[in-house]
N, C-alpha and C. Protein backbone atom coordinates (compact mmCIF):
# COMPACT_ATOMS: atom_id res chain seq x y z
N MET A 1 -74.43 64.84 14.86
CA MET A 1 -75.17 66.43 14.39
C MET A 1 -76.35 66.38 14.34
N ALA A 2 -75.93 67.69 14.73
CA ALA A 2 -77.06 69.18 15.41
C ALA A 2 -78.43 69.27 14.11
N PHE A 3 -79.21 68.92 14.50
CA PHE A 3 -80.48 69.44 13.89
C PHE A 3 -80.64 70.84 13.20
N ARG A 4 -81.08 71.45 12.27
CA ARG A 4 -81.50 73.30 12.59
C ARG A 4 -81.94 73.60 13.53
N GLY A 5 -81.16 74.48 14.41
CA GLY A 5 -82.19 74.36 15.85
C GLY A 5 -81.89 74.04 16.98
N ILE A 6 -81.90 72.74 16.88
CA ILE A 6 -81.92 71.64 17.98
C ILE A 6 -80.48 70.48 18.13
N PRO A 7 -80.21 70.99 19.19
CA PRO A 7 -79.15 70.62 19.64
C PRO A 7 -79.19 68.55 20.11
N SER A 8 -78.41 67.85 19.06
CA SER A 8 -78.32 66.46 18.91
C SER A 8 -77.99 65.59 20.47
N ALA A 9 -77.73 66.45 21.18
CA ALA A 9 -77.35 66.05 22.13
C ALA A 9 -78.36 65.59 23.17
N ARG A 10 -79.72 66.09 23.20
CA ARG A 10 -80.51 66.76 23.35
C ARG A 10 -81.90 65.56 22.65
N GLY A 11 -81.53 65.47 21.40
CA GLY A 11 -82.80 64.93 20.38
C GLY A 11 -84.02 65.69 20.31
N MET A 12 -84.75 65.12 20.21
CA MET A 12 -86.32 65.71 20.05
C MET A 12 -87.28 65.05 20.07
N SER A 13 -88.18 66.34 20.40
CA SER A 13 -89.84 65.27 20.15
C SER A 13 -90.34 64.87 19.31
N VAL A 14 -91.44 64.27 19.12
CA VAL A 14 -92.28 63.80 18.37
C VAL A 14 -92.34 65.14 17.56
N GLU A 15 -92.81 65.82 17.95
CA GLU A 15 -93.15 67.61 17.69
C GLU A 15 -92.38 68.10 16.76
N GLU A 16 -91.08 68.02 17.63
CA GLU A 16 -90.43 68.77 16.97
C GLU A 16 -89.68 67.87 15.14
N PHE A 17 -90.34 66.15 15.32
CA PHE A 17 -89.05 65.94 14.64
C PHE A 17 -90.75 66.15 13.18
N LYS A 18 -91.75 66.51 13.84
CA LYS A 18 -92.64 66.57 12.31
C LYS A 18 -92.37 68.12 12.19
N GLU A 19 -92.39 69.43 12.57
CA GLU A 19 -91.81 70.64 12.53
C GLU A 19 -90.64 70.40 11.39
N TRP A 20 -89.96 69.76 12.09
CA TRP A 20 -88.13 69.82 10.55
C TRP A 20 -88.80 69.47 10.00
N LEU A 21 -89.46 68.54 9.97
CA LEU A 21 -89.72 67.56 8.34
C LEU A 21 -89.86 68.60 7.72
N LYS A 22 -91.00 69.22 7.94
CA LYS A 22 -92.17 70.45 7.33
C LYS A 22 -91.78 71.10 6.64
N GLN A 23 -90.67 71.78 6.90
CA GLN A 23 -89.71 72.28 6.56
C GLN A 23 -89.05 72.36 4.61
N PHE A 24 -88.83 70.59 4.92
CA PHE A 24 -88.58 70.02 3.62
C PHE A 24 -89.70 69.23 3.02
N ASP A 25 -90.59 69.95 3.27
CA ASP A 25 -92.37 69.57 2.05
C ASP A 25 -92.08 70.75 1.42
N VAL A 26 -91.56 70.15 0.27
CA VAL A 26 -91.61 71.58 -1.05
C VAL A 26 -92.93 71.92 -1.26
N ASP A 27 -93.92 70.79 -2.08
CA ASP A 27 -94.94 71.62 -2.47
C ASP A 27 -96.21 72.11 -1.37
N GLY A 28 -95.68 71.59 -0.43
CA GLY A 28 -96.80 71.88 1.15
C GLY A 28 -97.57 70.98 0.91
N ASP A 29 -97.84 69.35 0.30
CA ASP A 29 -99.07 68.56 0.41
C ASP A 29 -99.29 68.45 2.45
N GLY A 30 -98.16 68.13 2.96
CA GLY A 30 -98.57 67.84 3.96
C GLY A 30 -97.68 66.08 3.83
N ARG A 31 -97.00 65.16 3.31
CA ARG A 31 -96.70 64.43 3.05
C ARG A 31 -95.37 64.33 2.57
N ILE A 32 -94.21 63.54 2.84
CA ILE A 32 -92.98 63.92 2.74
C ILE A 32 -92.77 62.51 1.66
N SER A 33 -92.16 62.92 0.61
CA SER A 33 -91.31 62.56 -0.56
C SER A 33 -90.22 61.85 -0.21
N ARG A 34 -89.77 60.66 -1.27
CA ARG A 34 -88.45 60.24 -1.15
C ARG A 34 -87.41 61.52 -1.54
N GLY A 35 -87.40 62.21 -2.41
CA GLY A 35 -86.58 63.11 -2.37
C GLY A 35 -87.17 64.05 -1.33
N GLU A 36 -87.89 64.02 -0.85
CA GLU A 36 -88.19 65.02 0.45
C GLU A 36 -87.14 64.70 1.60
N LEU A 37 -87.34 63.65 1.57
CA LEU A 37 -86.50 62.99 3.32
C LEU A 37 -85.02 62.98 2.36
N ARG A 38 -84.93 62.93 1.76
CA ARG A 38 -83.39 63.12 0.88
C ARG A 38 -82.98 64.56 1.06
N GLU A 39 -83.57 65.12 1.26
CA GLU A 39 -82.78 66.29 1.51
C GLU A 39 -82.69 66.73 2.98
N ALA A 40 -83.70 66.71 3.47
CA ALA A 40 -83.89 66.37 5.16
C ALA A 40 -82.50 65.47 5.12
N LEU A 41 -82.30 64.18 4.83
CA LEU A 41 -81.14 63.79 5.39
C LEU A 41 -79.79 64.36 4.92
N ARG A 42 -79.98 64.98 3.90
CA ARG A 42 -78.53 65.13 2.80
C ARG A 42 -78.58 66.88 4.10
N ARG A 43 -79.47 67.44 4.41
CA ARG A 43 -78.73 68.49 5.09
C ARG A 43 -78.70 68.07 6.97
N ARG A 44 -78.58 66.88 7.35
CA ARG A 44 -78.17 67.11 8.30
C ARG A 44 -77.32 66.26 7.83
N GLY A 45 -76.79 65.60 6.97
CA GLY A 45 -75.46 65.50 6.85
C GLY A 45 -74.96 64.47 6.86
N GLY A 46 -75.89 63.44 6.09
CA GLY A 46 -76.08 62.20 6.08
C GLY A 46 -75.50 61.49 5.13
N TRP A 47 -74.48 59.89 5.63
CA TRP A 47 -74.46 59.79 4.01
C TRP A 47 -75.39 58.74 2.99
N PHE A 48 -75.19 58.50 1.63
CA PHE A 48 -76.69 57.10 1.48
C PHE A 48 -77.62 58.08 1.33
N THR A 49 -77.48 59.37 0.81
CA THR A 49 -79.08 59.96 1.69
C THR A 49 -80.29 59.23 0.31
N THR A 50 -79.82 59.10 -0.38
CA THR A 50 -80.77 58.22 -1.37
C THR A 50 -81.44 56.53 -1.19
N LEU A 51 -80.15 56.45 -1.01
CA LEU A 51 -80.44 54.80 -0.64
C LEU A 51 -81.59 54.96 0.81
N LYS A 52 -80.89 55.82 1.88
CA LYS A 52 -81.73 55.64 3.16
C LYS A 52 -83.12 55.99 3.31
N ALA A 53 -82.91 57.09 2.14
CA ALA A 53 -84.39 58.17 1.65
C ALA A 53 -85.78 56.65 1.17
N GLY A 54 -84.67 56.05 0.31
CA GLY A 54 -85.89 54.71 0.02
C GLY A 54 -86.10 54.21 0.52
N ARG A 55 -84.74 53.48 1.52
CA ARG A 55 -85.86 52.23 2.06
C ARG A 55 -86.81 52.93 3.73
N ALA A 56 -86.25 54.34 4.39
CA ALA A 56 -87.59 54.82 4.98
C ALA A 56 -88.38 55.10 4.60
N VAL A 57 -88.77 56.04 2.98
CA VAL A 57 -90.59 55.32 2.44
C VAL A 57 -90.63 54.21 2.59
N ARG A 58 -90.29 53.59 2.05
CA ARG A 58 -90.60 52.48 1.70
C ARG A 58 -91.05 51.71 3.12
N ARG A 59 -90.50 51.63 3.93
CA ARG A 59 -90.72 51.60 5.42
C ARG A 59 -91.76 51.38 5.82
N ALA A 60 -91.78 53.30 5.72
CA ALA A 60 -92.79 54.10 6.28
C ALA A 60 -94.55 53.90 6.44
N ASP A 61 -94.36 54.12 4.79
CA ASP A 61 -95.72 53.84 3.75
C ASP A 61 -95.94 52.91 3.10
N ARG A 62 -96.97 52.90 4.95
CA ARG A 62 -97.80 51.49 4.57
C ARG A 62 -99.16 51.09 3.00
N ASP A 63 -99.48 52.72 3.41
CA ASP A 63 -100.40 52.35 1.96
C ASP A 63 -99.88 52.55 0.85
N ASN A 64 -98.30 52.61 -0.03
CA ASN A 64 -97.74 52.62 -1.26
C ASN A 64 -98.42 53.36 -2.24
N SER A 65 -98.54 54.52 -1.19
CA SER A 65 -98.14 55.63 -1.96
C SER A 65 -97.53 56.58 -2.52
N GLY A 66 -96.21 55.94 -1.82
CA GLY A 66 -94.72 56.53 -2.57
C GLY A 66 -94.08 57.80 -1.18
N TYR A 67 -95.49 58.42 -0.01
CA TYR A 67 -95.33 59.50 0.69
C TYR A 67 -95.53 58.81 1.86
N VAL A 68 -94.63 59.57 2.67
CA VAL A 68 -95.18 59.19 3.92
C VAL A 68 -96.27 60.11 4.56
N ASP A 69 -97.23 60.00 4.84
CA ASP A 69 -98.12 60.83 5.66
C ASP A 69 -98.28 61.54 7.16
N ASP A 70 -99.67 61.88 7.51
CA ASP A 70 -99.37 61.91 9.25
C ASP A 70 -99.42 60.61 9.66
N ALA A 71 -101.10 59.57 8.80
CA ALA A 71 -101.11 58.27 9.49
C ALA A 71 -99.79 57.83 9.55
N GLU A 72 -98.84 58.28 8.73
CA GLU A 72 -97.81 57.14 8.58
C GLU A 72 -96.17 57.41 9.30
N ILE A 73 -96.40 58.99 10.27
CA ILE A 73 -95.23 59.28 10.62
C ILE A 73 -94.64 58.65 11.79
N GLU A 74 -95.36 57.54 12.21
CA GLU A 74 -94.63 56.88 13.46
C GLU A 74 -94.17 55.72 13.03
N ASN A 75 -94.60 55.10 11.65
CA ASN A 75 -93.21 53.76 11.42
C ASN A 75 -92.09 54.64 10.83
N LEU A 76 -92.17 55.83 9.72
CA LEU A 76 -91.16 56.70 9.93
C LEU A 76 -90.06 57.58 11.18
N ILE A 77 -90.61 57.56 12.34
CA ILE A 77 -89.67 57.87 13.64
C ILE A 77 -89.09 57.24 13.88
N ALA A 78 -89.70 55.43 13.56
CA ALA A 78 -89.36 54.26 14.09
C ALA A 78 -87.97 53.70 13.59
N PHE A 79 -88.72 53.62 12.12
CA PHE A 79 -87.32 54.11 11.35
C PHE A 79 -86.00 55.19 11.73
N ALA A 80 -86.82 56.03 11.77
CA ALA A 80 -85.04 57.29 11.79
C ALA A 80 -84.73 56.79 13.53
N GLN A 81 -84.52 55.40 14.50
CA GLN A 81 -84.20 56.05 15.88
C GLN A 81 -83.70 54.61 15.28
N LYS A 82 -84.48 53.90 14.62
CA LYS A 82 -83.88 52.13 14.72
C LYS A 82 -82.39 52.38 13.62
N ASP A 83 -82.81 52.71 12.30
CA ASP A 83 -81.72 52.90 11.20
C ASP A 83 -80.73 54.06 11.02
N LEU A 84 -81.07 55.21 11.47
CA LEU A 84 -81.17 56.82 11.36
C LEU A 84 -80.12 56.70 12.65
N GLY A 85 -80.38 56.48 13.64
CA GLY A 85 -79.88 56.29 15.33
C GLY A 85 -80.23 57.84 15.94
N MET A 86 -80.98 58.29 15.14
CA MET A 86 -81.61 59.76 15.77
C MET A 86 -82.32 59.04 16.86
N LYS A 87 -82.56 60.38 17.64
CA LYS A 87 -83.11 60.62 19.43
C LYS A 87 -84.67 61.27 19.04
N ILE A 88 -85.51 60.62 19.30
CA ILE A 88 -87.10 61.16 19.10
C ILE A 88 -87.66 60.74 20.69
N SER A 89 -88.08 61.44 20.88
CA SER A 89 -88.72 60.68 22.13
C SER A 89 -90.13 61.63 22.15
N ALA A 90 -91.45 60.94 23.06
CA ALA A 90 -92.64 61.14 23.29
C ALA A 90 -92.76 62.88 23.60
N TRP A 91 -92.18 63.48 23.96
CA TRP A 91 -92.02 64.64 25.06
C TRP A 91 -91.15 65.88 24.25
């Protein structure tokens, strides 16, 4: 499944992943909520997006704020790679 402007065969870098997520940060607070992540997964063509977004935020959100912020983005990347099969590289 291709992301908007990013071919899936190549995957994406961490910076590209962050930029991709930013387009779903509806309120512009710099954090990703479960609802915002659900929309990102839905637009990617994912199934069971409410469930997956909830699990992703719970795993990534170390301070239990209900959001994934910049300090927790690595946790979200690890979840996306392992549980969603996304290809995200350091470069």
